[in-house]
């Protein structure tokens, strides 16, 4: 599959320099960047993003959220 992605001139120049430094074509360098990004594990921020959105939308206070977690931990410990 081929896609066309516009890059500002300064970014394209930087991509070319990086690719040349590695001895590969710029297309291969970009393809490798995308492949690495897709394979990397999610950060904790990424994992929790949906949960944080739900909490914010719920209107629950920090204190109520703390109480919910404390109650859940107690439930599990029993």
PDB file of N, CA and C in Angstrom:
ATOM      1  N   UNK A   1       0.848  -1.175   0.000  1.00  0.00           N
ATOM      2  CA  UNK A   1       0.000   0.000   0.000  1.00  0.00           C
ATOM      3  C   UNK A   1       0.896   1.242   0.000  1.00  0.00           C
ATOM      4  N   UNK A   2       0.474   2.216  -0.704  1.00  0.00           N
ATOM      5  CA  UNK A   2       1.216   3.475  -0.770  1.00  0.00           C
ATOM      6  C   UNK A   2       0.324   4.593  -0.274  1.00  0.00           C
ATOM      7  N   UNK A   3       0.871   5.441   0.574  1.00  0.00           N
ATOM      8  CA  UNK A   3       0.150   6.634   1.019  1.00  0.00           C
ATOM      9  C   UNK A   3       1.025   7.849   0.772  1.00  0.00           C
ATOM     10  N   UNK A   4       0.386   8.980   0.642  1.00  0.00           N
ATOM     11  CA  UNK A   4       1.113  10.230   0.450  1.00  0.00           C
ATOM     12  C   UNK A   4       0.879  11.100   1.669  1.00  0.00           C
ATOM     13  N   UNK A   5       1.959  11.473   2.321  1.00  0.00           N
ATOM     14  CA  UNK A   5       1.884  12.291   3.521  1.00  0.00           C
ATOM     15  C   UNK A   5       2.692  13.559   3.296  1.00  0.00           C
ATOM     16  N   UNK A   6       2.031  14.704   3.378  1.00  0.00           N
ATOM     17  CA  UNK A   6       2.800  15.947   3.207  1.00  0.00           C
ATOM     18  C   UNK A   6       3.618  16.264   4.466  1.00  0.00           C
ATOM     19  N   UNK A   7       4.879  16.627   4.258  1.00  0.00           N
ATOM     20  CA  UNK A   7       5.755  17.034   5.346  1.00  0.00           C
ATOM     21  C   UNK A   7       6.245  18.449   5.060  1.00  0.00           C
ATOM     22  N   UNK A   8       6.360  19.281   6.073  1.00  0.00           N
ATOM     23  CA  UNK A   8       6.993  20.593   5.864  1.00  0.00           C
ATOM     24  C   UNK A   8       8.438  20.382   5.400  1.00  0.00           C
ATOM     25  N   UNK A   9       8.956  21.350   4.669  1.00  0.00           N
ATOM     26  CA  UNK A   9      10.307  21.228   4.105  1.00  0.00           C
ATOM     27  C   UNK A   9      11.364  20.911   5.154  1.00  0.00           C
ATOM     28  N   UNK A  10      11.274  21.542   6.330  1.00  0.00           N
ATOM     29  CA  UNK A  10      12.293  21.295   7.355  1.00  0.00           C
ATOM     30  C   UNK A  10      12.229  19.862   7.876  1.00  0.00           C
ATOM     31  N   UNK A  11      11.028  19.320   8.018  1.00  0.00           N
ATOM     32  CA  UNK A  11      10.897  17.928   8.469  1.00  0.00           C
ATOM     33  C   UNK A  11      11.393  16.959   7.401  1.00  0.00           C
ATOM     34  N   UNK A  12      11.084  17.252   6.152  1.00  0.00           N
ATOM     35  CA  UNK A  12      11.539  16.386   5.058  1.00  0.00           C
ATOM     36  C   UNK A  12      13.053  16.380   4.986  1.00  0.00           C
ATOM     37  N   UNK A  13      13.660  17.533   5.179  1.00  0.00           N
ATOM     38  CA  UNK A  13      15.124  17.610   5.173  1.00  0.00           C
ATOM     39  C   UNK A  13      15.709  16.794   6.323  1.00  0.00           C
ATOM     40  N   UNK A  14      15.107  16.888   7.490  1.00  0.00           N
ATOM     41  CA  UNK A  14      15.585  16.121   8.644  1.00  0.00           C
ATOM     42  C   UNK A  14      15.417  14.620   8.403  1.00  0.00           C
ATOM     43  N   UNK A  15      14.304  14.226   7.806  1.00  0.00           N
ATOM     44  CA  UNK A  15      14.085  12.810   7.495  1.00  0.00           C
ATOM     45  C   UNK A  15      15.127  12.307   6.497  1.00  0.00           C
ATOM     46  N   UNK A  16      15.422  13.113   5.507  1.00  0.00           N
ATOM     47  CA  UNK A  16      16.442  12.719   4.524  1.00  0.00           C
ATOM     48  C   UNK A  16      17.816  12.556   5.182  1.00  0.00           C
ATOM     49  N   UNK A  17      18.164  13.505   6.048  1.00  0.00           N
ATOM     50  CA  UNK A  17      19.466  13.420   6.748  1.00  0.00           C
ATOM     51  C   UNK A  17      19.542  12.153   7.593  1.00  0.00           C
ATOM     52  N   UNK A  18      18.464  11.872   8.336  1.00  0.00           N
ATOM     53  CA  UNK A  18      18.456  10.666   9.182  1.00  0.00           C
ATOM     54  C   UNK A  18      18.594   9.416   8.327  1.00  0.00           C
ATOM     55  N   UNK A  19      17.829   9.346   7.247  1.00  0.00           N
ATOM     56  CA  UNK A  19      17.872   8.178   6.367  1.00  0.00           C
ATOM     57  C   UNK A  19      19.267   8.010   5.762  1.00  0.00           C
ATOM     58  N   UNK A  20      19.831   9.103   5.282  1.00  0.00           N
ATOM     59  CA  UNK A  20      21.181   9.044   4.699  1.00  0.00           C
ATOM     60  C   UNK A  20      22.199   8.571   5.731  1.00  0.00           C
ATOM     61  N   UNK A  21      22.052   9.061   6.963  1.00  0.00           N
ATOM     62  CA  UNK A  21      22.960   8.644   8.028  1.00  0.00           C
ATOM     63  C   UNK A  21      22.891   7.154   8.314  1.00  0.00           C
ATOM     64  N   UNK A  22      21.730   6.572   8.055  1.00  0.00           N
ATOM     65  CA  UNK A  22      21.558   5.128   8.258  1.00  0.00           C
ATOM     66  C   UNK A  22      21.801   4.324   6.986  1.00  0.00           C
ATOM     67  N   UNK A  23      22.011   5.035   5.881  1.00  0.00           N
ATOM     68  CA  UNK A  23      22.280   4.351   4.619  1.00  0.00           C
ATOM     69  C   UNK A  23      21.047   3.722   3.990  1.00  0.00           C
ATOM     70  N   UNK A  24      19.887   4.302   4.240  1.00  0.00           N
ATOM     71  CA  UNK A  24      18.652   3.764   3.660  1.00  0.00           C
ATOM     72  C   UNK A  24      17.897   4.886   2.934  1.00  0.00           C
ATOM     73  N   UNK A  25      16.967   4.482   2.088  1.00  0.00           N
ATOM     74  CA  UNK A  25      16.107   5.447   1.414  1.00  0.00           C
ATOM     75  C   UNK A  25      15.154   6.052   2.444  1.00  0.00           C
ATOM     76  N   UNK A  26      14.730   7.275   2.186  1.00  0.00           N
ATOM     77  CA  UNK A  26      13.844   7.958   3.127  1.00  0.00           C
ATOM     78  C   UNK A  26      12.527   7.188   3.300  1.00  0.00           C
ATOM     79  N   UNK A  27      12.029   6.565   2.247  1.00  0.00           N
ATOM     80  CA  UNK A  27      10.794   5.783   2.341  1.00  0.00           C
ATOM     81  C   UNK A  27      10.958   4.617   3.309  1.00  0.00           C
ATOM     82  N   UNK A  28      12.103   3.954   3.248  1.00  0.00           N
ATOM     83  CA  UNK A  28      12.385   2.832   4.157  1.00  0.00           C
ATOM     84  C   UNK A  28      12.504   3.337   5.587  1.00  0.00           C
ATOM     85  N   UNK A  29      13.172   4.459   5.761  1.00  0.00           N
ATOM     86  CA  UNK A  29      13.332   5.027   7.096  1.00  0.00           C
ATOM     87  C   UNK A  29      11.966   5.343   7.711  1.00  0.00           C
ATOM     88  N   UNK A  30      11.086   5.991   6.941  1.00  0.00           N
ATOM     89  CA  UNK A  30       9.752   6.326   7.452  1.00  0.00           C
ATOM     90  C   UNK A  30       8.951   5.063   7.733  1.00  0.00           C
ATOM     91  N   UNK A  31       9.027   4.088   6.851  1.00  0.00           N
ATOM     92  CA  UNK A  31       8.323   2.822   7.057  1.00  0.00           C
ATOM     93  C   UNK A  31       8.796   2.144   8.345  1.00  0.00           C
ATOM     94  N   UNK A  32      10.110   2.168   8.586  1.00  0.00           N
ATOM     95  CA  UNK A  32      10.661   1.585   9.813  1.00  0.00           C
ATOM     96  C   UNK A  32      10.185   2.340  11.059  1.00  0.00           C
ATOM     97  N   UNK A  33      10.112   3.674  10.954  1.00  0.00           N
ATOM     98  CA  UNK A  33       9.604   4.477  12.076  1.00  0.00           C
ATOM     99  C   UNK A  33       8.172   4.081  12.432  1.00  0.00           C
ATOM    100  N   UNK A  34       7.351   3.951  11.411  1.00  0.00           N
ATOM    101  CA  UNK A  34       5.945   3.571  11.629  1.00  0.00           C
ATOM    102  C   UNK A  34       5.864   2.171  12.238  1.00  0.00           C
ATOM    103  N   UNK A  35       6.638   1.240  11.710  1.00  0.00           N
ATOM    104  CA  UNK A  35       6.634  -0.133  12.229  1.00  0.00           C
ATOM    105  C   UNK A  35       7.035  -0.166  13.704  1.00  0.00           C
ATOM    106  N   UNK A  36       8.071   0.581  14.073  1.00  0.00           N
ATOM    107  CA  UNK A  36       8.507   0.625  15.481  1.00  0.00           C
ATOM    108  C   UNK A  36       7.420   1.206  16.371  1.00  0.00           C
ATOM    109  N   UNK A  37       6.780   2.268  15.909  1.00  0.00           N
ATOM    110  CA  UNK A  37       5.728   2.912  16.690  1.00  0.00           C
ATOM    111  C   UNK A  37       4.569   1.950  16.922  1.00  0.00           C
ATOM    112  N   UNK A  38       4.222   1.183  15.917  1.00  0.00           N
ATOM    113  CA  UNK A  38       3.108   0.243  16.039  1.00  0.00           C
ATOM    114  C   UNK A  38       3.439  -0.931  16.951  1.00  0.00           C
ATOM    115  N   UNK A  39       4.715  -1.242  17.092  1.00  0.00           N
ATOM    116  CA  UNK A  39       5.130  -2.378  17.911  1.00  0.00           C
ATOM    117  C   UNK A  39       5.421  -2.013  19.364  1.00  0.00           C
ATOM    118  N   UNK A  40       5.606  -0.742  19.648  1.00  0.00           N
ATOM    119  CA  UNK A  40       5.993  -0.366  21.012  1.00  0.00           C
ATOM    120  C   UNK A  40       4.810  -0.532  21.959  1.00  0.00           C
ATOM    121  N   UNK A  41       5.087  -0.904  23.194  1.00  0.00           N
ATOM    122  CA  UNK A  41       4.010  -1.009  24.177  1.00  0.00           C
ATOM    123  C   UNK A  41       3.410   0.365  24.475  1.00  0.00           C
ATOM    124  N   UNK A  42       2.151   0.365  24.838  1.00  0.00           N
ATOM    125  CA  UNK A  42       1.512   1.623  25.189  1.00  0.00           C
ATOM    126  C   UNK A  42       2.080   2.158  26.493  1.00  0.00           C
ATOM    127  N   UNK A  43       2.147   3.476  26.586  1.00  0.00           N
ATOM    128  CA  UNK A  43       2.568   4.105  27.833  1.00  0.00           C
ATOM    129  C   UNK A  43       1.405   4.035  28.826  1.00  0.00           C
ATOM    130  N   UNK A  44       1.704   4.263  30.089  1.00  0.00           N
ATOM    131  CA  UNK A  44       0.656   4.270  31.101  1.00  0.00           C
ATOM    132  C   UNK A  44      -0.367   5.361  30.806  1.00  0.00           C
ATOM    133  N   UNK A  45       0.087   6.507  30.322  1.00  0.00           N
ATOM    134  CA  UNK A  45      -0.840   7.585  29.942  1.00  0.00           C
ATOM    135  C   UNK A  45      -1.799   7.127  28.855  1.00  0.00           C
ATOM    136  N   UNK A  46      -1.289   6.396  27.863  1.00  0.00           N
ATOM    137  CA  UNK A  46      -2.143   5.902  26.792  1.00  0.00           C
ATOM    138  C   UNK A  46      -3.133   4.865  27.304  1.00  0.00           C
ATOM    139  N   UNK A  47      -2.674   3.984  28.174  1.00  0.00           N
ATOM    140  CA  UNK A  47      -3.544   2.949  28.729  1.00  0.00           C
ATOM    141  C   UNK A  47      -4.665   3.570  29.546  1.00  0.00           C
ATOM    142  N   UNK A  48      -4.341   4.601  30.311  1.00  0.00           N
ATOM    143  CA  UNK A  48      -5.327   5.206  31.212  1.00  0.00           C
ATOM    144  C   UNK A  48      -6.167   6.311  30.572  1.00  0.00           C
ATOM    145  N   UNK A  49      -5.889   6.686  29.337  1.00  0.00           N
ATOM    146  CA  UNK A  49      -6.575   7.818  28.709  1.00  0.00           C
ATOM    147  C   UNK A  49      -8.089   7.642  28.699  1.00  0.00           C
ATOM    148  N   UNK A  50      -8.584   6.488  28.299  1.00  0.00           N
ATOM    149  CA  UNK A  50     -10.025   6.246  28.259  1.00  0.00           C
ATOM    150  C   UNK A  50     -10.651   6.314  29.638  1.00  0.00           C
ATOM    151  N   UNK A  51      -9.976   5.733  30.622  1.00  0.00           N
ATOM    152  CA  UNK A  51     -10.470   5.758  31.994  1.00  0.00           C
ATOM    153  C   UNK A  51     -10.549   7.194  32.500  1.00  0.00           C
ATOM    154  N   UNK A  52      -9.508   7.970  32.227  1.00  0.00           N
ATOM    155  CA  UNK A  52      -9.487   9.367  32.676  1.00  0.00           C
ATOM    156  C   UNK A  52     -10.629  10.164  32.047  1.00  0.00           C
ATOM    157  N   UNK A  53     -10.904   9.904  30.781  1.00  0.00           N
ATOM    158  CA  UNK A  53     -12.011  10.592  30.108  1.00  0.00           C
ATOM    159  C   UNK A  53     -13.348  10.229  30.760  1.00  0.00           C
ATOM    160  N   UNK A  54     -13.518   8.952  31.075  1.00  0.00           N
ATOM    161  CA  UNK A  54     -14.758   8.501  31.707  1.00  0.00           C
ATOM    162  C   UNK A  54     -14.925   9.125  33.086  1.00  0.00           C
ATOM    163  N   UNK A  55     -13.848   9.188  33.838  1.00  0.00           N
ATOM    164  CA  UNK A  55     -13.916   9.785  35.179  1.00  0.00           C
ATOM    165  C   UNK A  55     -14.271  11.264  35.056  1.00  0.00           C
ATOM    166  N   UNK A  56     -13.627  11.964  34.143  1.00  0.00           N
ATOM    167  CA  UNK A  56     -13.911  13.393  33.966  1.00  0.00           C
ATOM    168  C   UNK A  56     -15.358  13.612  33.547  1.00  0.00           C
ATOM    169  N   UNK A  57     -15.868  12.763  32.657  1.00  0.00           N
ATOM    170  CA  UNK A  57     -17.249  12.900  32.178  1.00  0.00           C
ATOM    171  C   UNK A  57     -18.261  12.555  33.258  1.00  0.00           C
ATOM    172  N   UNK A  58     -17.868  11.710  34.217  1.00  0.00           N
ATOM    173  CA  UNK A  58     -18.806  11.270  35.250  1.00  0.00           C
ATOM    174  C   UNK A  58     -19.077  12.352  36.291  1.00  0.00           C
ATOM    175  N   UNK A  59     -18.139  13.289  36.420  1.00  0.00           N
ATOM    176  CA  UNK A  59     -18.301  14.337  37.415  1.00  0.00           C
ATOM    177  C   UNK A  59     -17.954  13.888  38.832  1.00  0.00           C
ATOM    178  N   UNK A  60     -17.393  12.695  38.971  1.00  0.00           N
ATOM    179  CA  UNK A  60     -17.023  12.182  40.288  1.00  0.00           C
ATOM    180  C   UNK A  60     -15.856  13.015  40.837  1.00  0.00           C
ATOM    181  N   UNK A  61     -15.887  13.273  42.111  1.00  0.00           N
ATOM    182  CA  UNK A  61     -14.806  14.047  42.727  1.00  0.00           C
ATOM    183  C   UNK A  61     -13.604  13.148  43.003  1.00  0.00           C
ATOM    184  N   UNK A  62     -12.456  13.766  43.246  1.00  0.00           N
ATOM    185  CA  UNK A  62     -11.259  12.994  43.590  1.00  0.00           C
ATOM    186  C   UNK A  62     -11.488  12.183  44.856  1.00  0.00           C
ATOM    187  N   UNK A  63     -12.181  12.771  45.822  1.00  0.00           N
ATOM    188  CA  UNK A  63     -12.455  12.073  47.076  1.00  0.00           C
ATOM    189  C   UNK A  63     -13.345  10.852  46.843  1.00  0.00           C
ATOM    190  N   UNK A  64     -14.368  11.015  45.991  1.00  0.00           N
ATOM    191  CA  UNK A  64     -15.257   9.887  45.692  1.00  0.00           C
ATOM    192  C   UNK A  64     -14.508   8.783  44.948  1.00  0.00           C
ATOM    193  N   UNK A  65     -13.623   9.173  44.055  1.00  0.00           N
ATOM    194  CA  UNK A  65     -12.825   8.194  43.324  1.00  0.00           C
ATOM    195  C   UNK A  65     -11.893   7.449  44.283  1.00  0.00           C
ATOM    196  N   UNK A  66     -11.279   8.175  45.206  1.00  0.00           N
ATOM    197  CA  UNK A  66     -10.436   7.534  46.222  1.00  0.00           C
ATOM    198  C   UNK A  66     -11.239   6.523  47.024  1.00  0.00           C
ATOM    199  N   UNK A  67     -12.428   6.913  47.439  1.00  0.00           N
ATOM    200  CA  UNK A  67     -13.281   6.009  48.227  1.00  0.00           C
ATOM    201  C   UNK A  67     -13.659   4.772  47.423  1.00  0.00           C
ATOM    202  N   UNK A  68     -13.932   4.953  46.147  1.00  0.00           N
ATOM    203  CA  UNK A  68     -14.269   3.828  45.283  1.00  0.00           C
ATOM    204  C   UNK A  68     -13.099   2.847  45.189  1.00  0.00           C
ATOM    205  N   UNK A  69     -11.887   3.363  45.019  1.00  0.00           N
ATOM    206  CA  UNK A  69     -10.711   2.488  44.956  1.00  0.00           C
ATOM    207  C   UNK A  69     -10.452   1.797  46.289  1.00  0.00           C
ATOM    208  N   UNK A  70     -10.604   2.518  47.394  1.00  0.00           N
ATOM    209  CA  UNK A  70     -10.390   1.919  48.717  1.00  0.00           C
ATOM    210  C   UNK A  70     -11.386   0.796  48.934  1.00  0.00           C
ATOM    211  N   UNK A  71     -12.642   1.033  48.613  1.00  0.00           N
ATOM    212  CA  UNK A  71     -13.682   0.005  48.783  1.00  0.00           C
ATOM    213  C   UNK A  71     -13.384  -1.195  47.895  1.00  0.00           C
ATOM    214  N   UNK A  72     -12.925  -0.957  46.677  1.00  0.00           N
ATOM    215  CA  UNK A  72     -12.623  -2.063  45.768  1.00  0.00           C
ATOM    216  C   UNK A  72     -11.457  -2.895  46.292  1.00  0.00           C
ATOM    217  N   UNK A  73     -10.427  -2.234  46.828  1.00  0.00           N
ATOM    218  CA  UNK A  73      -9.291  -2.972  47.385  1.00  0.00           C
ATOM    219  C   UNK A  73      -9.710  -3.807  48.578  1.00  0.00           C
ATOM    220  N   UNK A  74     -10.585  -3.246  49.410  1.00  0.00           N
ATOM    221  CA  UNK A  74     -11.079  -4.001  50.566  1.00  0.00           C
ATOM    222  C   UNK A  74     -11.876  -5.212  50.111  1.00  0.00           C
ATOM    223  N   UNK A  75     -12.669  -5.046  49.076  1.00  0.00           N
ATOM    224  CA  UNK A  75     -13.470  -6.133  48.545  1.00  0.00           C
ATOM    225  C   UNK A  75     -12.591  -7.267  48.032  1.00  0.00           C
ATOM    226  N   UNK A  76     -11.508  -6.923  47.354  1.00  0.00           N
ATOM    227  CA  UNK A  76     -10.605  -7.915  46.812  1.00  0.00           C
ATOM    228  C   UNK A  76      -9.849  -8.627  47.928  1.00  0.00           C
ATOM    229  N   UNK A  77      -9.495  -7.898  48.966  1.00  0.00           N
ATOM    230  CA  UNK A  77      -8.694  -8.461  50.066  1.00  0.00           C
ATOM    231  C   UNK A  77      -9.494  -9.452  50.897  1.00  0.00           C
ATOM    232  N   UNK A  78     -10.786  -9.377  50.848  1.00  0.00           N
ATOM    233  CA  UNK A  78     -11.623 -10.268  51.689  1.00  0.00           C
ATOM    234  C   UNK A  78     -11.735 -11.621  51.093  1.00  0.00           C
TER     235      UNK A  78
END
